[in-house]
Amino acid sequence: MPWTREEMAARVAAELQEGFYINLGIGMPTLVANYIPKGMHVVLQSENGMLGIGPFPLDSEVDPDLINAGKQTVTALPSSSYFDSAASFGMIRGGHIDLAILGAMQVSENGDIANWMVPGKMVKGMGGAMDLVAGVKRVIVLMEHNVKDEAKLVKKCSLPLTGSKVVNKIITDLGEFEFLKDGLTLTAMAPGVTQDEIKHRTEASFKVALH
């Protein structure tokens, strides 16, 4: 059966490494904060000006002044620091963030990502995704495999691009994909999910390298 959102977040958390500086995108990627391996020290960065983000708060811990880039309440750590957006984007554009975990509306078979707008719909702002995909060292996309029976893993993005050839890995509810030297490659599948099912629900072409 497909992975749940929590299982997907836990799989992304397994990609983290000691000492990483990490930016979590809006939506499902924020769940990764709850699955950081015990004993591992990583630093979560939010482009609205916070370095050192803790797990989501319990009801008794909510502070409405402590929010992430998605306007969700978060907790601070003893080592947390605060700064303006100029300093935050300086960290991103300067290549100081090791990993960005982002949601997406579409990812193409060559690593393009579209995740900032749908033409004709209201856009509150461009956000920081364009800077993130251009400035961080590695990009992982965490998304549902399909929306309303439409593939999100496509041959070519039809929505406005956030970045071109910038995605390194994709984790969906059906499987994991990596961009290796020979192209987009399926490297893991959710329990009970078949290759035929994934191919049927994917527009992009991909190779298979299951372990």
N, C-alpha and C. Protein backbone atom coordinates (compact mmCIF):
# COMPACT_ATOMS: atom_id res chain seq x y z
N MET A 1 0.85 -1.19 0.00
CA MET A 1 0.00 0.00 0.00
C MET A 1 0.88 1.24 0.00
N PRO A 2 0.40 2.35 -0.53
CA PRO A 2 1.21 3.57 -0.59
C PRO A 2 1.67 4.03 0.80
N TRP A 3 2.80 4.71 0.84
CA TRP A 3 3.28 5.28 2.09
C TRP A 3 2.37 6.42 2.53
N THR A 4 2.19 6.56 3.83
CA THR A 4 1.47 7.71 4.37
C THR A 4 2.38 8.94 4.32
N ARG A 5 1.80 10.10 4.57
CA ARG A 5 2.60 11.33 4.61
C ARG A 5 3.69 11.23 5.68
N GLU A 6 3.34 10.63 6.81
CA GLU A 6 4.32 10.49 7.90
C GLU A 6 5.44 9.54 7.49
N GLU A 7 5.09 8.45 6.82
CA GLU A 7 6.12 7.50 6.36
C GLU A 7 7.03 8.14 5.31
N MET A 8 6.44 8.96 4.46
CA MET A 8 7.25 9.66 3.46
C MET A 8 8.22 10.62 4.14
N ALA A 9 7.74 11.35 5.14
CA ALA A 9 8.60 12.28 5.86
C ALA A 9 9.73 11.55 6.58
N ALA A 10 9.42 10.38 7.14
CA ALA A 10 10.43 9.59 7.83
C ALA A 10 11.50 9.10 6.85
N ARG A 11 11.10 8.77 5.63
CA ARG A 11 12.07 8.32 4.64
C ARG A 11 12.99 9.47 4.23
N VAL A 12 12.44 10.66 4.13
CA VAL A 12 13.28 11.82 3.83
C VAL A 12 14.26 12.06 4.98
N ALA A 13 13.78 11.92 6.20
CA ALA A 13 14.63 12.15 7.37
C ALA A 13 15.82 11.20 7.38
N ALA A 14 15.68 10.03 6.79
CA ALA A 14 16.78 9.08 6.72
C ALA A 14 17.90 9.57 5.80
N GLU A 15 17.61 10.61 5.00
CA GLU A 15 18.61 11.18 4.10
C GLU A 15 19.49 12.22 4.80
N LEU A 16 19.11 12.62 6.00
CA LEU A 16 19.83 13.69 6.69
C LEU A 16 21.18 13.20 7.19
N GLN A 17 22.11 14.13 7.31
CA GLN A 17 23.44 13.80 7.81
C GLN A 17 23.83 14.77 8.92
N GLU A 18 24.67 14.29 9.80
CA GLU A 18 25.14 15.08 10.94
C GLU A 18 25.70 16.42 10.47
N GLY A 19 25.22 17.49 11.14
CA GLY A 19 25.74 18.82 10.86
C GLY A 19 25.11 19.54 9.69
N PHE A 20 24.15 18.92 9.01
CA PHE A 20 23.50 19.55 7.86
C PHE A 20 22.72 20.80 8.28
N TYR A 21 22.74 21.80 7.39
CA TYR A 21 21.84 22.94 7.47
C TYR A 21 20.75 22.70 6.42
N ILE A 22 19.49 22.70 6.85
CA ILE A 22 18.39 22.21 6.02
C ILE A 22 17.26 23.21 5.98
N ASN A 23 16.71 23.43 4.79
CA ASN A 23 15.52 24.26 4.63
C ASN A 23 14.34 23.36 4.30
N LEU A 24 13.27 23.48 5.08
CA LEU A 24 12.05 22.69 4.85
C LEU A 24 11.01 23.56 4.15
N GLY A 25 10.52 23.10 3.01
CA GLY A 25 9.51 23.85 2.28
C GLY A 25 8.15 23.78 2.95
N ILE A 26 7.22 24.55 2.41
CA ILE A 26 5.86 24.64 2.93
C ILE A 26 5.11 23.33 2.67
N GLY A 27 4.25 22.94 3.61
CA GLY A 27 3.41 21.76 3.44
C GLY A 27 4.04 20.51 4.00
N MET A 28 3.97 19.41 3.24
CA MET A 28 4.44 18.12 3.72
C MET A 28 5.89 18.12 4.20
N PRO A 29 6.81 18.85 3.56
CA PRO A 29 8.20 18.83 4.04
C PRO A 29 8.37 19.24 5.50
N THR A 30 7.45 20.05 6.04
CA THR A 30 7.61 20.47 7.44
C THR A 30 7.49 19.29 8.40
N LEU A 31 6.86 18.18 7.96
CA LEU A 31 6.73 17.00 8.81
C LEU A 31 8.08 16.35 9.11
N VAL A 32 9.07 16.62 8.26
CA VAL A 32 10.38 15.99 8.43
C VAL A 32 11.00 16.38 9.78
N ALA A 33 10.65 17.56 10.29
CA ALA A 33 11.21 18.01 11.57
C ALA A 33 10.89 17.05 12.71
N ASN A 34 9.81 16.30 12.59
CA ASN A 34 9.41 15.37 13.65
C ASN A 34 10.10 14.01 13.55
N TYR A 35 10.91 13.79 12.51
CA TYR A 35 11.51 12.48 12.29
C TYR A 35 13.04 12.53 12.18
N ILE A 36 13.63 13.60 12.66
CA ILE A 36 15.10 13.68 12.66
C ILE A 36 15.64 12.57 13.57
N PRO A 37 16.56 11.75 13.09
CA PRO A 37 17.06 10.62 13.90
C PRO A 37 17.57 11.08 15.26
N LYS A 38 17.24 10.30 16.28
CA LYS A 38 17.64 10.63 17.64
C LYS A 38 19.15 10.69 17.75
N GLY A 39 19.64 11.74 18.37
CA GLY A 39 21.07 11.92 18.56
C GLY A 39 21.77 12.64 17.42
N MET A 40 21.06 12.85 16.31
CA MET A 40 21.66 13.56 15.17
C MET A 40 21.47 15.06 15.34
N HIS A 41 22.51 15.82 15.08
CA HIS A 41 22.42 17.28 15.17
C HIS A 41 22.36 17.86 13.77
N VAL A 42 21.22 18.42 13.42
CA VAL A 42 21.06 19.18 12.18
C VAL A 42 20.42 20.52 12.54
N VAL A 43 20.54 21.50 11.65
CA VAL A 43 19.99 22.82 11.90
C VAL A 43 18.98 23.14 10.81
N LEU A 44 17.74 23.41 11.21
CA LEU A 44 16.68 23.75 10.26
C LEU A 44 16.62 25.25 10.08
N GLN A 45 16.58 25.68 8.82
CA GLN A 45 16.56 27.10 8.49
C GLN A 45 15.25 27.46 7.80
N SER A 46 14.68 28.59 8.19
CA SER A 46 13.46 29.08 7.55
C SER A 46 13.76 30.42 6.91
N GLU A 47 13.33 30.61 5.65
CA GLU A 47 13.70 31.84 4.95
C GLU A 47 13.05 33.09 5.52
N ASN A 48 12.05 32.92 6.42
CA ASN A 48 11.49 34.11 7.04
C ASN A 48 12.31 34.58 8.24
N GLY A 49 13.45 33.91 8.52
CA GLY A 49 14.40 34.47 9.47
C GLY A 49 14.62 33.71 10.76
N MET A 50 14.69 32.39 10.69
CA MET A 50 14.94 31.60 11.89
C MET A 50 15.90 30.47 11.57
N LEU A 51 16.88 30.28 12.43
CA LEU A 51 17.85 29.20 12.31
C LEU A 51 17.80 28.38 13.58
N GLY A 52 17.48 27.09 13.44
CA GLY A 52 17.33 26.24 14.60
C GLY A 52 15.87 26.07 14.97
N ILE A 53 15.12 25.31 14.17
CA ILE A 53 13.69 25.10 14.37
C ILE A 53 13.48 23.74 15.02
N GLY A 54 12.68 23.71 16.08
CA GLY A 54 12.35 22.46 16.75
C GLY A 54 11.11 21.81 16.16
N PRO A 55 10.63 20.73 16.77
CA PRO A 55 9.41 20.04 16.30
C PRO A 55 8.18 20.94 16.45
N PHE A 56 7.08 20.52 15.83
CA PHE A 56 5.83 21.24 16.01
C PHE A 56 5.46 21.23 17.49
N PRO A 57 4.87 22.32 17.99
CA PRO A 57 4.57 22.41 19.43
C PRO A 57 3.32 21.63 19.83
N LEU A 58 3.30 21.21 21.09
CA LEU A 58 2.07 20.74 21.68
C LEU A 58 1.16 21.94 21.90
N ASP A 59 -0.13 21.70 22.13
CA ASP A 59 -1.07 22.80 22.33
C ASP A 59 -0.62 23.73 23.46
N SER A 60 0.01 23.16 24.48
CA SER A 60 0.44 23.95 25.63
C SER A 60 1.72 24.75 25.33
N GLU A 61 2.37 24.46 24.19
CA GLU A 61 3.64 25.11 23.86
C GLU A 61 3.51 26.16 22.76
N VAL A 62 2.31 26.34 22.21
CA VAL A 62 2.15 27.22 21.05
C VAL A 62 2.49 28.66 21.39
N ASP A 63 3.37 29.24 20.57
CA ASP A 63 3.70 30.66 20.64
C ASP A 63 3.38 31.25 19.27
N PRO A 64 2.35 32.09 19.16
CA PRO A 64 1.93 32.59 17.84
C PRO A 64 2.99 33.44 17.15
N ASP A 65 4.01 33.89 17.88
CA ASP A 65 5.08 34.69 17.27
C ASP A 65 6.17 33.82 16.66
N LEU A 66 6.15 32.52 16.94
CA LEU A 66 7.16 31.62 16.39
C LEU A 66 6.54 30.81 15.25
N ILE A 67 6.87 31.17 14.02
CA ILE A 67 6.29 30.51 12.86
C ILE A 67 7.37 30.19 11.83
N ASN A 68 7.08 29.20 10.99
CA ASN A 68 7.97 28.91 9.88
C ASN A 68 7.51 29.65 8.63
N ALA A 69 8.15 29.37 7.50
CA ALA A 69 7.81 30.10 6.27
C ALA A 69 6.39 29.82 5.79
N GLY A 70 5.80 28.70 6.25
CA GLY A 70 4.43 28.36 5.88
C GLY A 70 3.40 28.87 6.86
N LYS A 71 3.83 29.75 7.79
CA LYS A 71 2.96 30.36 8.81
C LYS A 71 2.45 29.35 9.83
N GLN A 72 3.14 28.21 9.96
CA GLN A 72 2.79 27.23 10.99
C GLN A 72 3.59 27.54 12.26
N THR A 73 2.96 27.33 13.40
CA THR A 73 3.69 27.56 14.65
C THR A 73 4.74 26.46 14.85
N VAL A 74 5.90 26.85 15.35
CA VAL A 74 7.01 25.92 15.57
C VAL A 74 7.57 26.15 16.96
N THR A 75 8.53 25.35 17.35
CA THR A 75 9.21 25.55 18.62
C THR A 75 10.64 26.00 18.36
N ALA A 76 11.20 26.70 19.32
CA ALA A 76 12.60 27.13 19.25
C ALA A 76 13.46 26.19 20.08
N LEU A 77 14.74 26.18 19.77
CA LEU A 77 15.72 25.40 20.51
C LEU A 77 16.63 26.35 21.29
N PRO A 78 17.36 25.86 22.29
CA PRO A 78 18.28 26.74 23.03
C PRO A 78 19.29 27.44 22.12
N SER A 79 19.60 26.83 20.97
CA SER A 79 20.58 27.39 20.04
C SER A 79 19.95 28.22 18.92
N SER A 80 18.63 28.42 18.94
CA SER A 80 17.95 29.14 17.85
C SER A 80 18.40 30.59 17.76
N SER A 81 18.38 31.10 16.53
CA SER A 81 18.69 32.51 16.31
C SER A 81 17.70 33.10 15.31
N TYR A 82 17.59 34.43 15.31
CA TYR A 82 16.61 35.13 14.49
C TYR A 82 17.32 36.25 13.73
N PHE A 83 16.85 36.54 12.53
CA PHE A 83 17.52 37.53 11.68
C PHE A 83 16.54 37.98 10.61
N ASP A 84 16.95 38.97 9.82
CA ASP A 84 16.04 39.49 8.79
C ASP A 84 16.14 38.65 7.51
N SER A 85 15.24 38.94 6.57
CA SER A 85 15.18 38.15 5.34
C SER A 85 16.44 38.31 4.50
N ALA A 86 17.08 39.47 4.57
CA ALA A 86 18.31 39.68 3.79
C ALA A 86 19.39 38.70 4.23
N ALA A 87 19.55 38.54 5.54
CA ALA A 87 20.54 37.58 6.04
C ALA A 87 20.14 36.15 5.68
N SER A 88 18.84 35.86 5.77
CA SER A 88 18.35 34.52 5.46
C SER A 88 18.64 34.14 4.02
N PHE A 89 18.33 35.05 3.09
CA PHE A 89 18.58 34.74 1.69
C PHE A 89 20.06 34.82 1.34
N GLY A 90 20.83 35.55 2.14
CA GLY A 90 22.28 35.51 1.97
C GLY A 90 22.83 34.13 2.26
N MET A 91 22.27 33.46 3.26
CA MET A 91 22.67 32.08 3.57
C MET A 91 22.36 31.16 2.41
N ILE A 92 21.16 31.33 1.84
CA ILE A 92 20.71 30.46 0.75
C ILE A 92 21.52 30.73 -0.52
N ARG A 93 21.61 32.00 -0.91
CA ARG A 93 22.30 32.34 -2.16
C ARG A 93 23.80 32.12 -2.06
N GLY A 94 24.32 32.16 -0.83
CA GLY A 94 25.75 31.96 -0.65
C GLY A 94 26.17 30.51 -0.60
N GLY A 95 25.23 29.57 -0.75
CA GLY A 95 25.56 28.16 -0.79
C GLY A 95 25.82 27.54 0.58
N HIS A 96 25.26 28.15 1.63
CA HIS A 96 25.51 27.66 2.99
C HIS A 96 24.47 26.65 3.48
N ILE A 97 23.43 26.39 2.69
CA ILE A 97 22.40 25.42 3.06
C ILE A 97 22.68 24.12 2.32
N ASP A 98 22.81 23.04 3.08
CA ASP A 98 23.18 21.75 2.49
C ASP A 98 22.05 21.08 1.72
N LEU A 99 20.82 21.26 2.20
CA LEU A 99 19.70 20.49 1.65
C LEU A 99 18.41 21.28 1.73
N ALA A 100 17.64 21.27 0.64
CA ALA A 100 16.28 21.81 0.64
C ALA A 100 15.32 20.67 0.37
N ILE A 101 14.29 20.57 1.21
CA ILE A 101 13.24 19.56 1.04
C ILE A 101 11.97 20.32 0.68
N LEU A 102 11.49 20.13 -0.54
CA LEU A 102 10.42 20.95 -1.09
C LEU A 102 9.25 20.11 -1.58
N GLY A 103 8.08 20.70 -1.58
CA GLY A 103 6.95 20.13 -2.26
C GLY A 103 6.98 20.56 -3.72
N ALA A 104 6.13 19.94 -4.55
CA ALA A 104 6.10 20.31 -5.96
C ALA A 104 4.74 19.99 -6.56
N MET A 105 4.38 20.79 -7.56
CA MET A 105 3.19 20.49 -8.35
C MET A 105 3.55 19.61 -9.53
N GLN A 106 4.77 19.78 -10.05
CA GLN A 106 5.28 18.93 -11.13
C GLN A 106 6.80 18.83 -11.02
N VAL A 107 7.32 17.66 -11.38
CA VAL A 107 8.76 17.48 -11.59
C VAL A 107 8.91 16.74 -12.91
N SER A 108 9.82 17.22 -13.76
CA SER A 108 9.99 16.59 -15.07
C SER A 108 11.05 15.49 -15.01
N GLU A 109 11.12 14.70 -16.08
CA GLU A 109 12.05 13.58 -16.13
C GLU A 109 13.51 14.02 -16.22
N ASN A 110 13.75 15.31 -16.44
CA ASN A 110 15.14 15.78 -16.43
C ASN A 110 15.46 16.66 -15.22
N GLY A 111 14.58 16.66 -14.21
CA GLY A 111 14.88 17.34 -12.97
C GLY A 111 14.37 18.77 -12.85
N ASP A 112 13.56 19.22 -13.80
CA ASP A 112 12.92 20.54 -13.65
C ASP A 112 11.84 20.45 -12.57
N ILE A 113 11.62 21.56 -11.88
CA ILE A 113 10.58 21.59 -10.84
C ILE A 113 9.68 22.80 -11.04
N ALA A 114 8.38 22.59 -10.86
CA ALA A 114 7.38 23.66 -10.88
C ALA A 114 6.62 23.59 -9.56
N ASN A 115 6.76 24.62 -8.73
CA ASN A 115 6.08 24.55 -7.43
C ASN A 115 5.65 25.91 -6.88
N TRP A 116 5.60 26.94 -7.74
CA TRP A 116 5.29 28.24 -7.14
C TRP A 116 3.99 28.86 -7.61
N MET A 117 3.42 28.43 -8.72
CA MET A 117 2.14 29.02 -9.12
C MET A 117 1.41 28.16 -10.14
N VAL A 118 0.09 28.33 -10.17
CA VAL A 118 -0.76 27.78 -11.23
C VAL A 118 -1.38 28.97 -11.95
N PRO A 119 -1.12 29.13 -13.25
CA PRO A 119 -1.66 30.28 -13.99
C PRO A 119 -3.16 30.43 -13.79
N GLY A 120 -3.60 31.64 -13.54
CA GLY A 120 -5.02 31.93 -13.36
C GLY A 120 -5.49 31.85 -11.92
N LYS A 121 -4.66 31.28 -11.04
CA LYS A 121 -5.02 31.21 -9.63
C LYS A 121 -4.24 32.25 -8.83
N MET A 122 -4.82 32.69 -7.71
CA MET A 122 -4.19 33.72 -6.91
C MET A 122 -2.85 33.24 -6.36
N VAL A 123 -1.85 34.10 -6.47
CA VAL A 123 -0.53 33.80 -5.94
C VAL A 123 -0.21 34.85 -4.88
N LYS A 124 -0.02 34.42 -3.64
CA LYS A 124 0.25 35.36 -2.56
C LYS A 124 1.65 35.94 -2.66
N GLY A 125 2.54 35.19 -3.25
CA GLY A 125 3.92 35.65 -3.41
C GLY A 125 4.77 34.56 -4.02
N MET A 126 5.90 34.95 -4.54
CA MET A 126 6.77 33.99 -5.21
C MET A 126 7.45 33.06 -4.21
N GLY A 127 7.66 33.52 -2.98
CA GLY A 127 8.33 32.70 -1.99
C GLY A 127 9.82 32.57 -2.27
N GLY A 128 10.47 31.66 -1.57
CA GLY A 128 11.92 31.53 -1.69
C GLY A 128 12.40 30.34 -2.49
N ALA A 129 11.47 29.60 -3.12
CA ALA A 129 11.86 28.35 -3.77
C ALA A 129 12.86 28.55 -4.90
N MET A 130 12.73 29.64 -5.67
CA MET A 130 13.65 29.85 -6.79
C MET A 130 15.07 30.05 -6.29
N ASP A 131 15.20 30.78 -5.18
CA ASP A 131 16.53 30.95 -4.59
C ASP A 131 17.04 29.64 -4.02
N LEU A 132 16.15 28.88 -3.40
CA LEU A 132 16.56 27.62 -2.79
C LEU A 132 17.10 26.63 -3.83
N VAL A 133 16.37 26.41 -4.91
CA VAL A 133 16.81 25.41 -5.88
C VAL A 133 18.08 25.85 -6.60
N ALA A 134 18.35 27.16 -6.62
CA ALA A 134 19.56 27.66 -7.27
C ALA A 134 20.75 27.70 -6.32
N GLY A 135 20.48 27.80 -5.00
CA GLY A 135 21.57 28.06 -4.07
C GLY A 135 21.99 26.92 -3.17
N VAL A 136 21.09 25.94 -2.94
CA VAL A 136 21.44 24.87 -2.00
C VAL A 136 22.22 23.77 -2.72
N LYS A 137 22.86 22.90 -1.91
CA LYS A 137 23.72 21.88 -2.48
C LYS A 137 22.94 20.67 -3.00
N ARG A 138 21.77 20.39 -2.42
CA ARG A 138 20.99 19.22 -2.82
C ARG A 138 19.51 19.51 -2.62
N VAL A 139 18.67 19.04 -3.55
CA VAL A 139 17.23 19.27 -3.50
C VAL A 139 16.49 17.93 -3.52
N ILE A 140 15.66 17.71 -2.50
CA ILE A 140 14.79 16.54 -2.45
C ILE A 140 13.34 17.02 -2.52
N VAL A 141 12.56 16.43 -3.39
CA VAL A 141 11.14 16.76 -3.52
C VAL A 141 10.31 15.70 -2.82
N LEU A 142 9.39 16.15 -2.00
CA LEU A 142 8.46 15.29 -1.27
C LEU A 142 7.06 15.65 -1.73
N MET A 143 6.36 14.72 -2.42
CA MET A 143 5.06 15.05 -2.99
C MET A 143 4.22 13.80 -3.20
N GLU A 144 2.91 13.98 -3.32
CA GLU A 144 2.03 12.90 -3.74
C GLU A 144 2.34 12.56 -5.19
N HIS A 145 2.19 11.30 -5.57
CA HIS A 145 2.54 10.88 -6.92
C HIS A 145 1.55 11.43 -7.96
N ASN A 146 0.30 11.54 -7.56
CA ASN A 146 -0.74 12.04 -8.47
C ASN A 146 -1.65 13.00 -7.73
N VAL A 147 -2.31 13.87 -8.48
CA VAL A 147 -3.36 14.71 -7.92
C VAL A 147 -4.55 14.66 -8.88
N LYS A 148 -5.69 14.22 -8.35
CA LYS A 148 -6.90 14.07 -9.17
C LYS A 148 -6.60 13.23 -10.41
N ASP A 149 -5.88 12.13 -10.21
CA ASP A 149 -5.53 11.18 -11.27
C ASP A 149 -4.56 11.74 -12.32
N GLU A 150 -4.05 12.94 -12.10
CA GLU A 150 -3.06 13.51 -13.02
C GLU A 150 -1.66 13.26 -12.47
N ALA A 151 -0.76 12.87 -13.35
CA ALA A 151 0.62 12.62 -12.94
C ALA A 151 1.31 13.93 -12.56
N LYS A 152 2.12 13.87 -11.52
CA LYS A 152 2.94 15.01 -11.12
C LYS A 152 4.40 14.82 -11.54
N LEU A 153 4.74 13.57 -11.87
CA LEU A 153 6.06 13.25 -12.40
C LEU A 153 5.89 13.12 -13.91
N VAL A 154 6.34 14.14 -14.64
CA VAL A 154 5.94 14.32 -16.04
C VAL A 154 7.16 14.37 -16.97
N LYS A 155 6.88 14.22 -18.27
CA LYS A 155 7.96 14.35 -19.25
C LYS A 155 8.48 15.78 -19.28
N LYS A 156 7.57 16.73 -19.32
CA LYS A 156 7.94 18.15 -19.37
C LYS A 156 6.93 18.93 -18.56
N CYS A 157 7.40 19.81 -17.69
CA CYS A 157 6.49 20.60 -16.85
C CYS A 157 5.65 21.54 -17.71
N SER A 158 4.35 21.56 -17.46
CA SER A 158 3.45 22.48 -18.16
C SER A 158 3.21 23.74 -17.34
N LEU A 159 3.58 23.72 -16.07
CA LEU A 159 3.43 24.88 -15.20
C LEU A 159 4.72 25.70 -15.20
N PRO A 160 4.64 26.99 -14.82
CA PRO A 160 5.85 27.83 -14.79
C PRO A 160 6.94 27.22 -13.91
N LEU A 161 8.16 27.18 -14.43
CA LEU A 161 9.25 26.54 -13.72
C LEU A 161 9.74 27.35 -12.53
N THR A 162 10.14 26.61 -11.51
CA THR A 162 10.86 27.19 -10.38
C THR A 162 12.36 27.10 -10.63
N GLY A 163 12.78 25.99 -11.22
CA GLY A 163 14.18 25.77 -11.54
C GLY A 163 14.33 24.68 -12.57
N SER A 164 15.43 24.73 -13.31
CA SER A 164 15.69 23.76 -14.39
C SER A 164 16.82 22.82 -14.00
N LYS A 165 16.56 21.51 -14.08
CA LYS A 165 17.55 20.46 -13.80
C LYS A 165 18.19 20.64 -12.42
N VAL A 166 17.36 20.81 -11.41
CA VAL A 166 17.87 21.09 -10.06
C VAL A 166 17.51 20.01 -9.03
N VAL A 167 16.58 19.12 -9.35
CA VAL A 167 16.12 18.12 -8.39
C VAL A 167 17.08 16.92 -8.37
N ASN A 168 17.44 16.47 -7.17
CA ASN A 168 18.32 15.31 -7.02
C ASN A 168 17.56 14.03 -6.70
N LYS A 169 16.47 14.16 -5.92
CA LYS A 169 15.73 12.97 -5.48
C LYS A 169 14.27 13.33 -5.30
N ILE A 170 13.38 12.36 -5.54
CA ILE A 170 11.94 12.53 -5.36
C ILE A 170 11.43 11.38 -4.50
N ILE A 171 10.64 11.71 -3.49
CA ILE A 171 9.94 10.69 -2.70
C ILE A 171 8.45 10.97 -2.79
N THR A 172 7.71 9.99 -3.32
CA THR A 172 6.25 10.10 -3.42
C THR A 172 5.63 9.01 -2.55
N ASP A 173 4.31 8.97 -2.54
CA ASP A 173 3.63 7.93 -1.77
C ASP A 173 3.78 6.54 -2.41
N LEU A 174 4.26 6.49 -3.66
CA LEU A 174 4.42 5.20 -4.35
C LEU A 174 5.86 4.71 -4.37
N GLY A 175 6.82 5.63 -4.40
CA GLY A 175 8.20 5.18 -4.51
C GLY A 175 9.20 6.31 -4.41
N GLU A 176 10.48 5.92 -4.51
CA GLU A 176 11.59 6.87 -4.49
C GLU A 176 12.28 6.87 -5.86
N PHE A 177 12.65 8.05 -6.31
CA PHE A 177 13.33 8.22 -7.59
C PHE A 177 14.57 9.08 -7.38
N GLU A 178 15.64 8.75 -8.10
CA GLU A 178 16.84 9.56 -8.05
C GLU A 178 17.27 9.91 -9.46
N PHE A 179 17.90 11.08 -9.59
CA PHE A 179 18.47 11.47 -10.87
C PHE A 179 19.93 11.02 -10.87
N LEU A 180 20.18 9.89 -11.50
CA LEU A 180 21.51 9.32 -11.59
C LEU A 180 22.14 9.69 -12.94
N LYS A 181 23.33 9.19 -13.18
CA LYS A 181 24.04 9.55 -14.42
C LYS A 181 23.25 9.17 -15.66
N ASP A 182 22.50 8.06 -15.59
CA ASP A 182 21.75 7.63 -16.77
C ASP A 182 20.29 8.06 -16.73
N GLY A 183 19.97 9.04 -15.88
CA GLY A 183 18.63 9.62 -15.89
C GLY A 183 17.79 9.27 -14.67
N LEU A 184 16.51 9.59 -14.75
CA LEU A 184 15.56 9.35 -13.66
C LEU A 184 15.44 7.85 -13.40
N THR A 185 15.63 7.46 -12.14
CA THR A 185 15.70 6.04 -11.80
C THR A 185 14.86 5.72 -10.57
N LEU A 186 14.00 4.72 -10.68
CA LEU A 186 13.21 4.23 -9.55
C LEU A 186 14.12 3.38 -8.67
N THR A 187 14.27 3.78 -7.38
CA THR A 187 15.19 3.08 -6.49
C THR A 187 14.50 2.36 -5.33
N ALA A 188 13.21 2.64 -5.08
CA ALA A 188 12.47 1.96 -4.02
C ALA A 188 10.98 2.10 -4.30
N MET A 189 10.19 1.14 -3.80
CA MET A 189 8.74 1.18 -3.96
C MET A 189 8.07 0.96 -2.62
N ALA A 190 6.90 1.56 -2.44
CA ALA A 190 6.11 1.33 -1.24
C ALA A 190 5.63 -0.12 -1.22
N PRO A 191 5.38 -0.69 -0.03
CA PRO A 191 4.94 -2.08 0.07
C PRO A 191 3.66 -2.34 -0.73
N GLY A 192 3.66 -3.39 -1.53
CA GLY A 192 2.47 -3.76 -2.28
C GLY A 192 2.28 -2.99 -3.57
N VAL A 193 3.08 -1.97 -3.82
CA VAL A 193 2.99 -1.19 -5.05
C VAL A 193 3.85 -1.88 -6.11
N THR A 194 3.35 -1.98 -7.32
CA THR A 194 4.07 -2.66 -8.40
C THR A 194 4.69 -1.66 -9.37
N GLN A 195 5.67 -2.14 -10.11
CA GLN A 195 6.28 -1.29 -11.14
C GLN A 195 5.25 -0.88 -12.19
N ASP A 196 4.36 -1.81 -12.54
CA ASP A 196 3.34 -1.50 -13.54
C ASP A 196 2.43 -0.37 -13.06
N GLU A 197 2.07 -0.40 -11.77
CA GLU A 197 1.22 0.65 -11.22
C GLU A 197 1.93 2.00 -11.29
N ILE A 198 3.21 2.00 -10.93
CA ILE A 198 3.96 3.26 -10.97
C ILE A 198 4.07 3.77 -12.41
N LYS A 199 4.36 2.88 -13.35
CA LYS A 199 4.46 3.30 -14.75
C LYS A 199 3.13 3.85 -15.25
N HIS A 200 2.02 3.21 -14.84
CA HIS A 200 0.69 3.65 -15.27
C HIS A 200 0.37 5.04 -14.73
N ARG A 201 0.89 5.36 -13.55
CA ARG A 201 0.56 6.63 -12.90
C ARG A 201 1.66 7.67 -13.04
N THR A 202 2.60 7.43 -13.95
CA THR A 202 3.73 8.34 -14.17
C THR A 202 3.81 8.69 -15.64
N GLU A 203 3.92 9.98 -15.94
CA GLU A 203 4.07 10.39 -17.33
C GLU A 203 5.53 10.34 -17.76
N ALA A 204 6.45 10.57 -16.83
CA ALA A 204 7.87 10.61 -17.14
C ALA A 204 8.40 9.21 -17.45
N SER A 205 9.48 9.17 -18.23
CA SER A 205 10.19 7.92 -18.47
C SER A 205 11.24 7.74 -17.39
N PHE A 206 11.40 6.50 -16.91
CA PHE A 206 12.40 6.26 -15.87
C PHE A 206 12.95 4.84 -15.99
N LYS A 207 14.15 4.67 -15.45
CA LYS A 207 14.77 3.36 -15.37
C LYS A 207 14.50 2.78 -14.00
N VAL A 208 14.80 1.50 -13.81
CA VAL A 208 14.55 0.82 -12.54
C VAL A 208 15.85 0.26 -11.99
N ALA A 209 16.14 0.58 -10.73
CA ALA A 209 17.31 0.04 -10.05
C ALA A 209 16.90 -0.24 -8.60
N LEU A 210 16.18 -1.32 -8.41
CA LEU A 210 15.67 -1.67 -7.08
C LEU A 210 16.66 -2.58 -6.37
N HIS A 211 16.86 -2.35 -5.07
CA HIS A 211 17.81 -3.13 -4.28
C HIS A 211 17.06 -4.09 -3.36
